[in-house]
Each structure stands twice: as C-alpha cells, then as structure tokens.
Amino acid sequence: MSVATERQDPGPAAAGVRRSGEPPGPRRPAPGTPGRGRLTGAAPYLLLLPALVATVLLLGWPLVKDGLLSFQNLNMRQLIQHLTEWNGVDNYRETLTSEDFWRVTLRSVIFTAVNVVLIMLLGTLVGLLLARLGSKMRLLLSVGLVLAWAMPPIAGTTVFQWLFAARFGVVNWVLDALGWHSMAHYNWTGSQFSTFFIITLLIVWQSIPFVAINLYAATTTIPGELYEAAALDGAGTWKSFTSVTFPFLKPFLLATTFLEVIWVFKAFTQVFAINEGGPDRLTETLPVYAFIEGVGNQHYGMGAAISLLTIAVLLALTSYYLRIVLRQEEDEL
C-alpha cells in the first residue's frame, strides 16, 4: 500500500514574497533564527585574533621588557646577583648627551639613504629588464634572483668576506691580474669607506631581487592597449615609460621604498659580521651600536635605551616619508 504525501506550499513568507498589508522595509528574521549579521560583522576580528595574539606575545612583551630594562642600571653584577637597580632616565640622558650616539645616528641615516637609492634604482632596472626578456632568459634571470634572495644573510656575508679577503680573495686576485698590482693584498676592511663599500654592495645585492621580481609582477598588470595607444600617438620608449608604465608602478615603488627604508635601517647581520663595526667602530650603525654598548660592554640597560631610541628614529624617518607620500597623493587629486 502506497501512501501519497502532498508537498506543502511554502507560502509567500518562505518564498520571499511580501504579504499584502505588510509594512515596507527589511523583513525581520523569524523568531529563533540566529543573527547572521552579528556573526558576519565579528568574522574579520575573529580571523585577526590569532595574528594579534602572536604579535603581542612575540613582539609586544619583548618591547615592554626592553622598556623596563632601559630604566635600570643592569650590568653583569646585577645580573648575577639578581639585583634590580632603577636609575630613572639616566640611560636616556647619557645616550642623548653623547656625541657618539648622534654621530652613529647621522651615519645610519646616510647609510640607509645611499642603500635605498641604489636598491630602488637597480631593482627597477632589473624588473623592467625582466619584462623585456624572452621567456627562457626571463626564467634564467628569475632563478638567479630567487637564489640570491633565498640565501641566508650570514651565508651571503661569508661569501663576500671570502671574495674581498686580503690574501686569498677573488677580487684582489682579479684586480692584480688586470694590472692593479697594488691591490694584490689590499685590506678591504682596513678603512671606513672600503668597509662600507663591501657592506653596501652586499645589502644591495641581497635586496635587488625583492624589488625586481615584484616590479616585474606589477608590469604584468598594465594593459597592452595603453602602450598601443601611446604608440599611435607617436610616443617613444621614454614617453611610453613616463606616461604609461611609471603611473602604474608608482604606488608599488612608494610602498617598496617604505619597506626598504625599514629593512636597511635595521640591518644588523651584514654590518656586524663583515667587521663588527670596525675599524675603530667607524662603521657602526644604530643596531650594531646598541648591541656593542649593551652586550659587548655588558651595560644592558644602556643597550635597551639605545634600542628604543633606534625605534624612535626609525619611526620618525618612516612617518616623514609617509607624510611626503600622502602630500603628493593629495596634490595629484
């Protein structure tokens, strides 16, 4: 025996049809239905919560601890005896009144500016070259860039130390073979300028791949019709670059410059590993200066104060750069 079941009509309410006489406006959810709006509104915050917790634990707490240390007189004696000697703002006062701190700060700013200009210029040229090359040559160059970018900083620094070694360095051997016999045993880390030359060459070499690969990726988003229109208008290579390519790449260039300022300013491994800030501490930048004063001289409170002042200088530089960028965007609008 078969039982026939009739399919019930859901009615106008379930079908979304407004009943006659019902007031206009959004329909209210049925009683007992959970509010999806509240869930949807909280979803972004729930997704960000793990990252925020990790940031607070990994960055926030060390920063707070560093801030507490900066107000203490902490050296090896206090560390061994577990003593806490608060000295107020003496560490900051001593640092800010020291000529060495301001000399290193100026050196760090100039070092950052030179490196960022070279990185952005050469990285842009390599990125534009990638856009011009054929598929096989582009793949070959991209692999080389990725390998240079993936090399750990300390490994790259070791390679450059071997290249510029005084007795058995490849660079000195090549220069001697080319006729510069006075460079056969030249000590590249014996002067401030030559040491900074090696460090700058190393940092620029390690940073170009990031700029070049990302800039090439940005060029792929430029519509080809714009270049065709520029060619029909009689625009040459330089005119096409200034009127088509550069406006599309400008946001990328501004953002990448911002990142490079941060990365170069806080570079520690390359500067310290090449010559430990020498000769005679003439190649110290602020991160290296903070390490040597804190760990090297075992005055950890002073090192903590210099570290926080380094962060303040970096924030001042980046905020000044961002203000210039925002002002340019407002002028364009």
C-alpha atoms as a PDB file:
ATOM      1  CA  MET A   1       0.000   0.000   0.000  1.00  0.00           C
ATOM      2  CA  SER A   2       1.433   3.370  -1.006  1.00  0.00           C
ATOM      3  CA  VAL A   3       0.945   6.466   0.964  1.00  0.00           C
ATOM      4  CA  ALA A   4       0.769   9.697  -1.035  1.00  0.00           C
ATOM      5  CA  THR A   5       2.260  12.733   0.638  1.00  0.00           C
ATOM      6  CA  GLU A   6       1.422  16.130  -0.577  1.00  0.00           C
ATOM      7  CA  ARG A   7       4.228  18.701  -0.846  1.00  0.00           C
ATOM      8  CA  GLN A   8       3.206  21.660   1.223  1.00  0.00           C
ATOM      9  CA  ASP A   9       3.375  25.066  -0.371  1.00  0.00           C
ATOM     10  CA  PRO A  10       5.999  27.153   1.463  1.00  0.00           C
ATOM     11  CA  GLY A  11       3.823  30.204   1.061  1.00  0.00           C
ATOM     12  CA  PRO A  12       4.754  33.733   0.283  1.00  0.00           C
ATOM     13  CA  ALA A  13       6.707  34.223   3.506  1.00  0.00           C
ATOM     14  CA  ALA A  14       9.211  31.458   2.747  1.00  0.00           C
ATOM     15  CA  ALA A  15       9.445  32.441  -0.914  1.00  0.00           C
ATOM     16  CA  GLY A  16      10.393  35.977  -0.024  1.00  0.00           C
ATOM     17  CA  VAL A  17       7.136  37.491  -1.303  1.00  0.00           C
ATOM     18  CA  ARG A  18       5.743  40.257   0.878  1.00  0.00           C
ATOM     19  CA  ARG A  19       2.191  39.671   2.101  1.00  0.00           C
ATOM     20  CA  SER A  20      -0.408  42.226   1.332  1.00  0.00           C
ATOM     21  CA  GLY A  21      -0.714  44.825   4.046  1.00  0.00           C
ATOM     22  CA  GLU A  22       2.775  44.146   5.399  1.00  0.00           C
ATOM     23  CA  PRO A  23       4.665  47.411   6.063  1.00  0.00           C
ATOM     24  CA  PRO A  24       7.575  48.217   3.740  1.00  0.00           C
ATOM     25  CA  GLY A  25      11.188  47.811   4.858  1.00  0.00           C
ATOM     26  CA  PRO A  26      13.531  44.916   5.515  1.00  0.00           C
ATOM     27  CA  ARG A  27      11.925  41.725   6.658  1.00  0.00           C
ATOM     28  CA  ARG A  28      12.707  40.659  10.202  1.00  0.00           C
ATOM     29  CA  PRO A  29      14.197  37.202  10.678  1.00  0.00           C
ATOM     30  CA  ALA A  30      11.920  34.547  12.021  1.00  0.00           C
ATOM     31  CA  PRO A  31      11.923  34.120  15.814  1.00  0.00           C
ATOM     32  CA  GLY A  32      14.678  31.785  16.989  1.00  0.00           C
ATOM     33  CA  THR A  33      16.845  32.357  13.910  1.00  0.00           C
ATOM     34  CA  PRO A  34      20.421  33.321  14.932  1.00  0.00           C
ATOM     35  CA  GLY A  35      21.508  36.768  13.800  1.00  0.00           C
ATOM     36  CA  ARG A  36      23.818  36.224  10.899  1.00  0.00           C
ATOM     37  CA  GLY A  37      24.664  39.918  10.739  1.00  0.00           C
ATOM     38  CA  ARG A  38      26.402  39.852  14.092  1.00  0.00           C
ATOM     39  CA  LEU A  39      28.383  36.758  13.107  1.00  0.00           C
ATOM     40  CA  THR A  40      29.389  38.294   9.804  1.00  0.00           C
ATOM     41  CA  GLY A  41      30.480  41.512  11.476  1.00  0.00           C
ATOM     42  CA  ALA A  42      32.644  39.682  14.008  1.00  0.00           C
ATOM     43  CA  ALA A  43      34.240  37.326  11.482  1.00  0.00           C
ATOM     44  CA  PRO A  44      37.125  39.653  10.452  1.00  0.00           C
ATOM     45  CA  TYR A  45      38.079  40.224  14.083  1.00  0.00           C
ATOM     46  CA  LEU A  46      37.975  36.506  14.838  1.00  0.00           C
ATOM     47  CA  LEU A  47      40.244  35.823  11.874  1.00  0.00           C
ATOM     48  CA  LEU A  48      42.696  38.523  13.002  1.00  0.00           C
ATOM     49  CA  LEU A  49      42.703  37.330  16.623  1.00  0.00           C
ATOM     50  CA  PRO A  50      45.425  34.618  16.263  1.00  0.00           C
ATOM     51  CA  ALA A  51      47.767  37.031  14.478  1.00  0.00           C
ATOM     52  CA  LEU A  52      47.128  39.737  17.089  1.00  0.00           C
ATOM     53  CA  VAL A  53      47.809  37.313  19.939  1.00  0.00           C
ATOM     54  CA  ALA A  54      51.042  36.137  18.294  1.00  0.00           C
ATOM     55  CA  THR A  55      52.127  39.738  17.711  1.00  0.00           C
ATOM     56  CA  VAL A  56      51.502  40.689  21.334  1.00  0.00           C
ATOM     57  CA  LEU A  57      53.367  37.647  22.649  1.00  0.00           C
ATOM     58  CA  LEU A  58      56.325  37.737  20.247  1.00  0.00           C
ATOM     59  CA  LEU A  59      56.745  41.497  19.820  1.00  0.00           C
ATOM     60  CA  GLY A  60      54.746  43.300  22.479  1.00  0.00           C
ATOM     61  CA  TRP A  61      56.153  41.565  25.543  1.00  0.00           C
ATOM     62  CA  PRO A  62      59.845  41.849  24.464  1.00  0.00           C
ATOM     63  CA  LEU A  63      59.248  45.538  23.748  1.00  0.00           C
ATOM     64  CA  VAL A  64      57.765  46.033  27.232  1.00  0.00           C
ATOM     65  CA  LYS A  65      60.666  44.115  28.767  1.00  0.00           C
ATOM     66  CA  ASP A  66      63.129  46.244  26.809  1.00  0.00           C
ATOM     67  CA  GLY A  67      61.388  49.363  28.066  1.00  0.00           C
ATOM     68  CA  LEU A  68      61.717  48.212  31.667  1.00  0.00           C
ATOM     69  CA  LEU A  69      65.405  47.398  31.219  1.00  0.00           C
ATOM     70  CA  SER A  70      66.063  50.854  29.792  1.00  0.00           C
ATOM     71  CA  PHE A  71      65.225  52.378  33.177  1.00  0.00           C
ATOM     72  CA  GLN A  72      67.607  50.100  35.092  1.00  0.00           C
ATOM     73  CA  ASN A  73      71.302  50.039  35.876  1.00  0.00           C
ATOM     74  CA  LEU A  74      71.854  46.459  34.751  1.00  0.00           C
ATOM     75  CA  ASN A  75      75.323  45.036  34.215  1.00  0.00           C
ATOM     76  CA  MET A  76      76.948  41.692  34.952  1.00  0.00           C
ATOM     77  CA  ARG A  77      76.995  42.196  38.724  1.00  0.00           C
ATOM     78  CA  GLN A  78      73.280  42.949  38.941  1.00  0.00           C
ATOM     79  CA  LEU A  79      72.561  40.102  36.537  1.00  0.00           C
ATOM     80  CA  ILE A  80      74.444  37.510  38.584  1.00  0.00           C
ATOM     81  CA  GLN A  81      73.123  38.705  41.956  1.00  0.00           C
ATOM     82  CA  HIS A  82      69.573  39.160  40.580  1.00  0.00           C
ATOM     83  CA  LEU A  83      69.508  42.790  41.662  1.00  0.00           C
ATOM     84  CA  THR A  84      67.180  45.420  40.223  1.00  0.00           C
ATOM     85  CA  GLU A  85      68.592  48.947  40.374  1.00  0.00           C
ATOM     86  CA  TRP A  86      66.287  51.563  38.909  1.00  0.00           C
ATOM     87  CA  ASN A  87      68.056  54.660  37.675  1.00  0.00           C
ATOM     88  CA  GLY A  88      65.195  56.573  36.059  1.00  0.00           C
ATOM     89  CA  VAL A  89      66.069  58.240  32.784  1.00  0.00           C
ATOM     90  CA  ASP A  90      69.838  58.242  33.356  1.00  0.00           C
ATOM     91  CA  ASN A  91      70.415  55.829  30.455  1.00  0.00           C
ATOM     92  CA  TYR A  92      68.459  58.063  28.098  1.00  0.00           C
ATOM     93  CA  ARG A  93      70.153  61.206  29.377  1.00  0.00           C
ATOM     94  CA  GLU A  94      73.606  59.700  28.952  1.00  0.00           C
ATOM     95  CA  THR A  95      72.785  58.444  25.455  1.00  0.00           C
ATOM     96  CA  LEU A  96      71.204  61.652  24.181  1.00  0.00           C
ATOM     97  CA  THR A  97      74.072  63.772  25.501  1.00  0.00           C
ATOM     98  CA  SER A  98      76.693  61.539  23.903  1.00  0.00           C
ATOM     99  CA  GLU A  99      78.348  62.705  20.690  1.00  0.00           C
ATOM    100  CA  ASP A 100      78.855  59.087  19.648  1.00  0.00           C
ATOM    101  CA  PHE A 101      75.106  58.446  19.551  1.00  0.00           C
ATOM    102  CA  TRP A 102      74.378  61.382  17.253  1.00  0.00           C
ATOM    103  CA  ARG A 103      77.388  60.570  15.083  1.00  0.00           C
ATOM    104  CA  VAL A 104      76.161  56.992  14.663  1.00  0.00           C
ATOM    105  CA  THR A 105      72.603  58.231  14.030  1.00  0.00           C
ATOM    106  CA  LEU A 106      73.746  60.516  11.208  1.00  0.00           C
ATOM    107  CA  ARG A 107      75.878  57.709   9.801  1.00  0.00           C
ATOM    108  CA  SER A 108      72.886  55.337   9.904  1.00  0.00           C
ATOM    109  CA  VAL A 109      70.614  57.795   8.087  1.00  0.00           C
ATOM    110  CA  ILE A 110      73.183  58.411   5.324  1.00  0.00           C
ATOM    111  CA  PHE A 111      73.894  54.673   5.054  1.00  0.00           C
ATOM    112  CA  THR A 112      70.172  53.940   4.709  1.00  0.00           C
ATOM    113  CA  ALA A 113      69.616  56.665   2.119  1.00  0.00           C
ATOM    114  CA  VAL A 114      72.501  55.523  -0.094  1.00  0.00           C
ATOM    115  CA  ASN A 115      71.459  51.874   0.035  1.00  0.00           C
ATOM    116  CA  VAL A 116      67.768  52.531  -0.603  1.00  0.00           C
ATOM    117  CA  VAL A 117      68.512  54.757  -3.612  1.00  0.00           C
ATOM    118  CA  LEU A 118      70.801  52.115  -5.139  1.00  0.00           C
ATOM    119  CA  ILE A 119      68.380  49.277  -4.380  1.00  0.00           C
ATOM    120  CA  MET A 120      65.373  51.029  -5.902  1.00  0.00           C
ATOM    121  CA  LEU A 121      67.283  52.235  -8.965  1.00  0.00           C
ATOM    122  CA  LEU A 122      68.960  48.942  -9.810  1.00  0.00           C
ATOM    123  CA  GLY A 123      65.944  46.861  -8.779  1.00  0.00           C
ATOM    124  CA  THR A 124      63.685  48.911 -11.058  1.00  0.00           C
ATOM    125  CA  LEU A 125      66.071  48.485 -13.989  1.00  0.00           C
ATOM    126  CA  VAL A 126      66.271  44.717 -13.455  1.00  0.00           C
ATOM    127  CA  GLY A 127      62.485  44.479 -13.123  1.00  0.00           C
ATOM    128  CA  LEU A 128      61.972  46.352 -16.385  1.00  0.00           C
ATOM    129  CA  LEU A 129      64.583  44.098 -17.996  1.00  0.00           C
ATOM    130  CA  LEU A 130      62.589  41.043 -16.898  1.00  0.00           C
ATOM    131  CA  ALA A 131      59.542  42.472 -18.632  1.00  0.00           C
ATOM    132  CA  ARG A 132      61.515  42.863 -21.884  1.00  0.00           C
ATOM    133  CA  LEU A 133      63.272  39.491 -21.976  1.00  0.00           C
ATOM    134  CA  GLY A 134      62.010  36.346 -23.651  1.00  0.00           C
ATOM    135  CA  SER A 135      60.540  33.518 -21.630  1.00  0.00           C
ATOM    136  CA  LYS A 136      63.749  31.428 -21.385  1.00  0.00           C
ATOM    137  CA  MET A 137      66.044  34.292 -20.429  1.00  0.00           C
ATOM    138  CA  ARG A 138      63.411  35.639 -18.030  1.00  0.00           C
ATOM    139  CA  LEU A 139      63.217  32.237 -16.333  1.00  0.00           C
ATOM    140  CA  LEU A 140      67.001  32.013 -16.066  1.00  0.00           C
ATOM    141  CA  LEU A 141      67.324  35.507 -14.589  1.00  0.00           C
ATOM    142  CA  SER A 142      64.392  34.919 -12.224  1.00  0.00           C
ATOM    143  CA  VAL A 143      66.007  31.737 -10.887  1.00  0.00           C
ATOM    144  CA  GLY A 144      69.242  33.649 -10.246  1.00  0.00           C
ATOM    145  CA  LEU A 145      67.358  36.403  -8.432  1.00  0.00           C
ATOM    146  CA  VAL A 146      65.434  33.937  -6.297  1.00  0.00           C
ATOM    147  CA  LEU A 147      68.634  32.092  -5.336  1.00  0.00           C
ATOM    148  CA  ALA A 148      70.301  35.359  -4.307  1.00  0.00           C
ATOM    149  CA  TRP A 149      67.212  36.364  -2.346  1.00  0.00           C
ATOM    150  CA  ALA A 150      66.852  32.976  -0.637  1.00  0.00           C
ATOM    151  CA  MET A 151      70.455  32.898   0.597  1.00  0.00           C
ATOM    152  CA  PRO A 152      70.610  33.484   4.365  1.00  0.00           C
ATOM    153  CA  PRO A 153      72.216  36.831   5.266  1.00  0.00           C
ATOM    154  CA  ILE A 154      75.055  35.253   7.231  1.00  0.00           C
ATOM    155  CA  ALA A 155      75.837  32.898   4.319  1.00  0.00           C
ATOM    156  CA  GLY A 156      75.920  35.794   1.867  1.00  0.00           C
ATOM    157  CA  THR A 157      78.128  37.754   4.252  1.00  0.00           C
ATOM    158  CA  THR A 158      80.559  34.830   4.470  1.00  0.00           C
ATOM    159  CA  VAL A 159      80.757  34.663   0.666  1.00  0.00           C
ATOM    160  CA  PHE A 160      81.562  38.378   0.456  1.00  0.00           C
ATOM    161  CA  GLN A 161      84.196  38.041   3.174  1.00  0.00           C
ATOM    162  CA  TRP A 162      85.886  35.379   1.047  1.00  0.00           C
ATOM    163  CA  LEU A 163      85.573  37.451  -2.132  1.00  0.00           C
ATOM    164  CA  PHE A 164      87.219  40.502  -0.532  1.00  0.00           C
ATOM    165  CA  ALA A 165      89.771  38.686   1.635  1.00  0.00           C
ATOM    166  CA  ALA A 166      93.161  40.413   1.678  1.00  0.00           C
ATOM    167  CA  ARG A 167      95.404  37.411   0.889  1.00  0.00           C
ATOM    168  CA  PHE A 168      93.267  34.885  -0.964  1.00  0.00           C
ATOM    169  CA  GLY A 169      90.289  36.990  -2.089  1.00  0.00           C
ATOM    170  CA  VAL A 170      88.990  36.632  -5.624  1.00  0.00           C
ATOM    171  CA  VAL A 171      88.550  40.401  -6.058  1.00  0.00           C
ATOM    172  CA  ASN A 172      92.186  41.170  -5.215  1.00  0.00           C
ATOM    173  CA  TRP A 173      93.360  38.340  -7.485  1.00  0.00           C
ATOM    174  CA  VAL A 174      91.310  39.674 -10.412  1.00  0.00           C
ATOM    175  CA  LEU A 175      92.498  43.257  -9.866  1.00  0.00           C
ATOM    176  CA  ASP A 176      96.114  42.087  -9.682  1.00  0.00           C
ATOM    177  CA  ALA A 177      95.666  40.074 -12.894  1.00  0.00           C
ATOM    178  CA  LEU A 178      94.252  43.154 -14.630  1.00  0.00           C
ATOM    179  CA  GLY A 179      97.338  45.198 -13.790  1.00  0.00           C
ATOM    180  CA  TRP A 180      96.478  46.817 -10.466  1.00  0.00           C
ATOM    181  CA  HIS A 181      99.341  45.123  -8.617  1.00  0.00           C
ATOM    182  CA  SER A 182      98.943  47.418  -5.601  1.00  0.00           C
ATOM    183  CA  MET A 183      95.595  45.718  -4.920  1.00  0.00           C
ATOM    184  CA  ALA A 184      97.124  42.240  -4.642  1.00  0.00           C
ATOM    185  CA  HIS A 185      96.943  42.270  -0.825  1.00  0.00           C
ATOM    186  CA  TYR A 186      94.610  45.212  -0.251  1.00  0.00           C
ATOM    187  CA  ASN A 187      92.761  45.102   3.085  1.00  0.00           C
ATOM    188  CA  TRP A 188      89.167  45.996   2.212  1.00  0.00           C
ATOM    189  CA  THR A 189      88.111  46.165   5.868  1.00  0.00           C
ATOM    190  CA  GLY A 190      91.001  48.417   6.869  1.00  0.00           C
ATOM    191  CA  SER A 191      89.224  51.733   6.261  1.00  0.00           C
ATOM    192  CA  GLN A 192      85.762  53.126   6.844  1.00  0.00           C
ATOM    193  CA  PHE A 193      84.989  53.808   3.173  1.00  0.00           C
ATOM    194  CA  SER A 194      86.098  50.416   1.821  1.00  0.00           C
ATOM    195  CA  THR A 195      84.266  48.555   4.601  1.00  0.00           C
ATOM    196  CA  PHE A 196      81.070  50.452   3.894  1.00  0.00           C
ATOM    197  CA  PHE A 197      81.599  49.724   0.192  1.00  0.00           C
ATOM    198  CA  ILE A 198      81.529  45.966   0.860  1.00  0.00           C
ATOM    199  CA  ILE A 199      78.520  46.234   3.189  1.00  0.00           C
ATOM    200  CA  THR A 200      76.592  48.381   0.713  1.00  0.00           C
ATOM    201  CA  LEU A 201      77.412  46.014  -2.153  1.00  0.00           C
ATOM    202  CA  LEU A 202      76.222  43.078  -0.056  1.00  0.00           C
ATOM    203  CA  ILE A 203      72.954  44.662   1.072  1.00  0.00           C
ATOM    204  CA  VAL A 204      72.125  45.950  -2.419  1.00  0.00           C
ATOM    205  CA  TRP A 205      72.852  42.517  -3.909  1.00  0.00           C
ATOM    206  CA  GLN A 206      70.562  40.838  -1.372  1.00  0.00           C
ATOM    207  CA  SER A 207      67.751  43.390  -1.786  1.00  0.00           C
ATOM    208  CA  ILE A 208      67.545  43.807  -5.569  1.00  0.00           C
ATOM    209  CA  PRO A 209      65.644  40.501  -6.154  1.00  0.00           C
ATOM    210  CA  PHE A 210      62.700  41.593  -3.995  1.00  0.00           C
ATOM    211  CA  VAL A 211      62.302  44.875  -5.858  1.00  0.00           C
ATOM    212  CA  ALA A 212      62.908  43.404  -9.312  1.00  0.00           C
ATOM    213  CA  ILE A 213      60.545  40.429  -9.044  1.00  0.00           C
ATOM    214  CA  ASN A 214      57.732  42.457  -7.511  1.00  0.00           C
ATOM    215  CA  LEU A 215      58.143  45.237 -10.052  1.00  0.00           C
ATOM    216  CA  TYR A 216      58.023  42.720 -12.896  1.00  0.00           C
ATOM    217  CA  ALA A 217      54.824  41.306 -11.410  1.00  0.00           C
ATOM    218  CA  ALA A 218      53.411  44.845 -11.323  1.00  0.00           C
ATOM    219  CA  THR A 219      54.260  45.394 -15.006  1.00  0.00           C
ATOM    220  CA  THR A 220      52.161  42.380 -15.982  1.00  0.00           C
ATOM    221  CA  THR A 221      49.043  44.190 -14.745  1.00  0.00           C
ATOM    222  CA  ILE A 222      49.470  47.085 -17.211  1.00  0.00           C
ATOM    223  CA  PRO A 223      47.020  46.688 -20.144  1.00  0.00           C
ATOM    224  CA  GLY A 224      48.769  46.340 -23.509  1.00  0.00           C
ATOM    225  CA  GLU A 225      46.173  48.602 -25.130  1.00  0.00           C
ATOM    226  CA  LEU A 226      47.695  51.578 -23.335  1.00  0.00           C
ATOM    227  CA  TYR A 227      51.059  51.010 -24.988  1.00  0.00           C
ATOM    228  CA  GLU A 228      49.347  50.607 -28.369  1.00  0.00           C
ATOM    229  CA  ALA A 229      47.506  53.888 -27.861  1.00  0.00           C
ATOM    230  CA  ALA A 230      50.741  55.620 -26.831  1.00  0.00           C
ATOM    231  CA  ALA A 231      52.485  54.260 -29.929  1.00  0.00           C
ATOM    232  CA  LEU A 232      49.679  55.535 -32.157  1.00  0.00           C
ATOM    233  CA  ASP A 233      50.152  58.959 -30.586  1.00  0.00           C
ATOM    234  CA  GLY A 234      53.811  58.853 -31.598  1.00  0.00           C
ATOM    235  CA  ALA A 235      55.231  58.216 -28.107  1.00  0.00           C
ATOM    236  CA  GLY A 236      58.725  56.790 -27.984  1.00  0.00           C
ATOM    237  CA  THR A 237      60.215  54.457 -25.368  1.00  0.00           C
ATOM    238  CA  TRP A 238      60.838  57.175 -22.767  1.00  0.00           C
ATOM    239  CA  LYS A 239      57.452  58.802 -23.329  1.00  0.00           C
ATOM    240  CA  SER A 240      55.688  55.448 -23.008  1.00  0.00           C
ATOM    241  CA  PHE A 241      57.518  54.823 -19.740  1.00  0.00           C
ATOM    242  CA  THR A 242      56.677  58.205 -18.223  1.00  0.00           C
ATOM    243  CA  SER A 243      53.047  58.300 -19.403  1.00  0.00           C
ATOM    244  CA  VAL A 244      52.048  54.627 -19.101  1.00  0.00           C
ATOM    245  CA  THR A 245      54.479  52.488 -17.107  1.00  0.00           C
ATOM    246  CA  PHE A 246      55.507  54.851 -14.318  1.00  0.00           C
ATOM    247  CA  PRO A 247      51.962  55.909 -13.262  1.00  0.00           C
ATOM    248  CA  PHE A 248      51.026  52.233 -12.830  1.00  0.00           C
ATOM    249  CA  LEU A 249      54.236  51.418 -10.951  1.00  0.00           C
ATOM    250  CA  LYS A 250      54.288  54.494  -8.713  1.00  0.00           C
ATOM    251  CA  PRO A 251      52.192  53.002  -5.853  1.00  0.00           C
ATOM    252  CA  PHE A 252      54.396  49.915  -5.889  1.00  0.00           C
ATOM    253  CA  LEU A 253      57.581  51.988  -5.874  1.00  0.00           C
ATOM    254  CA  LEU A 254      56.368  54.097  -2.942  1.00  0.00           C
ATOM    255  CA  ALA A 255      55.388  51.041  -0.890  1.00  0.00           C
ATOM    256  CA  THR A 256      58.616  49.196  -1.698  1.00  0.00           C
ATOM    257  CA  THR A 257      60.731  52.220  -0.800  1.00  0.00           C
ATOM    258  CA  PHE A 258      58.950  52.359   2.555  1.00  0.00           C
ATOM    259  CA  LEU A 259      59.794  48.701   3.223  1.00  0.00           C
ATOM    260  CA  GLU A 260      63.388  49.072   2.083  1.00  0.00           C
ATOM    261  CA  VAL A 261      63.938  52.023   4.434  1.00  0.00           C
ATOM    262  CA  ILE A 262      62.879  49.806   7.348  1.00  0.00           C
ATOM    263  CA  TRP A 263      64.897  46.779   6.262  1.00  0.00           C
ATOM    264  CA  VAL A 264      68.121  48.655   5.520  1.00  0.00           C
ATOM    265  CA  PHE A 265      67.960  50.836   8.630  1.00  0.00           C
ATOM    266  CA  LYS A 266      67.649  47.823  10.928  1.00  0.00           C
ATOM    267  CA  ALA A 267      70.277  45.739   9.089  1.00  0.00           C
ATOM    268  CA  PHE A 268      72.492  44.122  11.710  1.00  0.00           C
ATOM    269  CA  THR A 269      73.881  40.841  10.386  1.00  0.00           C
ATOM    270  CA  GLN A 270      75.726  42.260   7.380  1.00  0.00           C
ATOM    271  CA  VAL A 271      77.227  45.240   9.219  1.00  0.00           C
ATOM    272  CA  PHE A 272      78.346  43.285  12.270  1.00  0.00           C
ATOM    273  CA  ALA A 273      79.581  40.127  10.527  1.00  0.00           C
ATOM    274  CA  ILE A 274      81.757  41.942   7.984  1.00  0.00           C
ATOM    275  CA  ASN A 275      83.966  43.715  10.546  1.00  0.00           C
ATOM    276  CA  GLU A 276      81.991  44.016  13.808  1.00  0.00           C
ATOM    277  CA  GLY A 277      81.515  47.733  13.254  1.00  0.00           C
ATOM    278  CA  GLY A 278      85.210  48.361  12.673  1.00  0.00           C
ATOM    279  CA  PRO A 279      87.722  49.623  12.024  1.00  0.00           C
ATOM    280  CA  ASP A 280      87.742  51.638  15.268  1.00  0.00           C
ATOM    281  CA  ARG A 281      83.913  51.471  15.409  1.00  0.00           C
ATOM    282  CA  LEU A 282      83.691  53.703  12.326  1.00  0.00           C
ATOM    283  CA  THR A 283      81.120  51.532  10.523  1.00  0.00           C
ATOM    284  CA  GLU A 284      78.692  51.075  13.396  1.00  0.00           C
ATOM    285  CA  THR A 285      75.042  51.745  12.653  1.00  0.00           C
ATOM    286  CA  LEU A 286      72.442  52.157  15.384  1.00  0.00           C
ATOM    287  CA  PRO A 287      71.538  48.430  15.708  1.00  0.00           C
ATOM    288  CA  VAL A 288      75.223  47.482  15.951  1.00  0.00           C
ATOM    289  CA  TYR A 289      75.898  50.388  18.315  1.00  0.00           C
ATOM    290  CA  ALA A 290      73.093  49.218  20.619  1.00  0.00           C
ATOM    291  CA  PHE A 291      74.439  45.652  20.613  1.00  0.00           C
ATOM    292  CA  ILE A 292      78.027  46.640  21.355  1.00  0.00           C
ATOM    293  CA  GLU A 293      77.053  49.087  24.109  1.00  0.00           C
ATOM    294  CA  GLY A 294      74.588  46.625  25.647  1.00  0.00           C
ATOM    295  CA  VAL A 295      76.047  43.154  25.191  1.00  0.00           C
ATOM    296  CA  GLY A 296      79.664  43.967  24.345  1.00  0.00           C
ATOM    297  CA  ASN A 297      80.151  46.423  27.208  1.00  0.00           C
ATOM    298  CA  GLN A 298      77.706  44.495  29.451  1.00  0.00           C
ATOM    299  CA  HIS A 299      75.625  47.590  30.139  1.00  0.00           C
ATOM    300  CA  TYR A 300      72.276  46.075  29.274  1.00  0.00           C
ATOM    301  CA  GLY A 301      70.181  48.998  30.455  1.00  0.00           C
ATOM    302  CA  MET A 302      72.096  51.351  28.163  1.00  0.00           C
ATOM    303  CA  GLY A 303      71.703  48.932  25.256  1.00  0.00           C
ATOM    304  CA  ALA A 304      67.949  48.739  25.869  1.00  0.00           C
ATOM    305  CA  ALA A 305      67.674  52.540  25.889  1.00  0.00           C
ATOM    306  CA  ILE A 306      69.611  52.806  22.616  1.00  0.00           C
ATOM    307  CA  SER A 307      67.375  50.140  21.072  1.00  0.00           C
ATOM    308  CA  LEU A 308      64.224  52.079  21.924  1.00  0.00           C
ATOM    309  CA  LEU A 309      65.780  55.301  20.631  1.00  0.00           C
ATOM    310  CA  THR A 310      66.633  53.436  17.418  1.00  0.00           C
ATOM    311  CA  ILE A 311      62.973  52.512  17.040  1.00  0.00           C
ATOM    312  CA  ALA A 312      62.032  56.146  17.640  1.00  0.00           C
ATOM    313  CA  VAL A 313      64.448  57.347  14.935  1.00  0.00           C
ATOM    314  CA  LEU A 314      63.084  54.757  12.507  1.00  0.00           C
ATOM    315  CA  LEU A 315      59.501  55.804  13.246  1.00  0.00           C
ATOM    316  CA  ALA A 316      60.456  59.443  12.662  1.00  0.00           C
ATOM    317  CA  LEU A 317      62.027  58.596   9.289  1.00  0.00           C
ATOM    318  CA  THR A 318      59.113  56.478   8.112  1.00  0.00           C
ATOM    319  CA  SER A 319      56.492  58.950   9.302  1.00  0.00           C
ATOM    320  CA  TYR A 320      58.284  61.758   7.461  1.00  0.00           C
ATOM    321  CA  TYR A 321      58.391  59.639   4.308  1.00  0.00           C
ATOM    322  CA  LEU A 322      54.707  58.716   4.624  1.00  0.00           C
ATOM    323  CA  ARG A 323      53.777  62.358   5.094  1.00  0.00           C
ATOM    324  CA  ILE A 324      55.589  63.258   1.873  1.00  0.00           C
ATOM    325  CA  VAL A 325      53.823  60.405   0.025  1.00  0.00           C
ATOM    326  CA  LEU A 326      50.382  61.415   1.300  1.00  0.00           C
ATOM    327  CA  ARG A 327      51.034  65.053   0.403  1.00  0.00           C
ATOM    328  CA  GLN A 328      51.937  64.033  -3.163  1.00  0.00           C
ATOM    329  CA  GLU A 329      48.767  61.971  -3.457  1.00  0.00           C
ATOM    330  CA  GLU A 330      46.665  64.900  -2.241  1.00  0.00           C
ATOM    331  CA  ASP A 331      48.316  67.203  -4.783  1.00  0.00           C
ATOM    332  CA  GLU A 332      47.542  64.733  -7.562  1.00  0.00           C
ATOM    333  CA  LEU A 333      43.889  64.617  -6.520  1.00  0.00           C
END
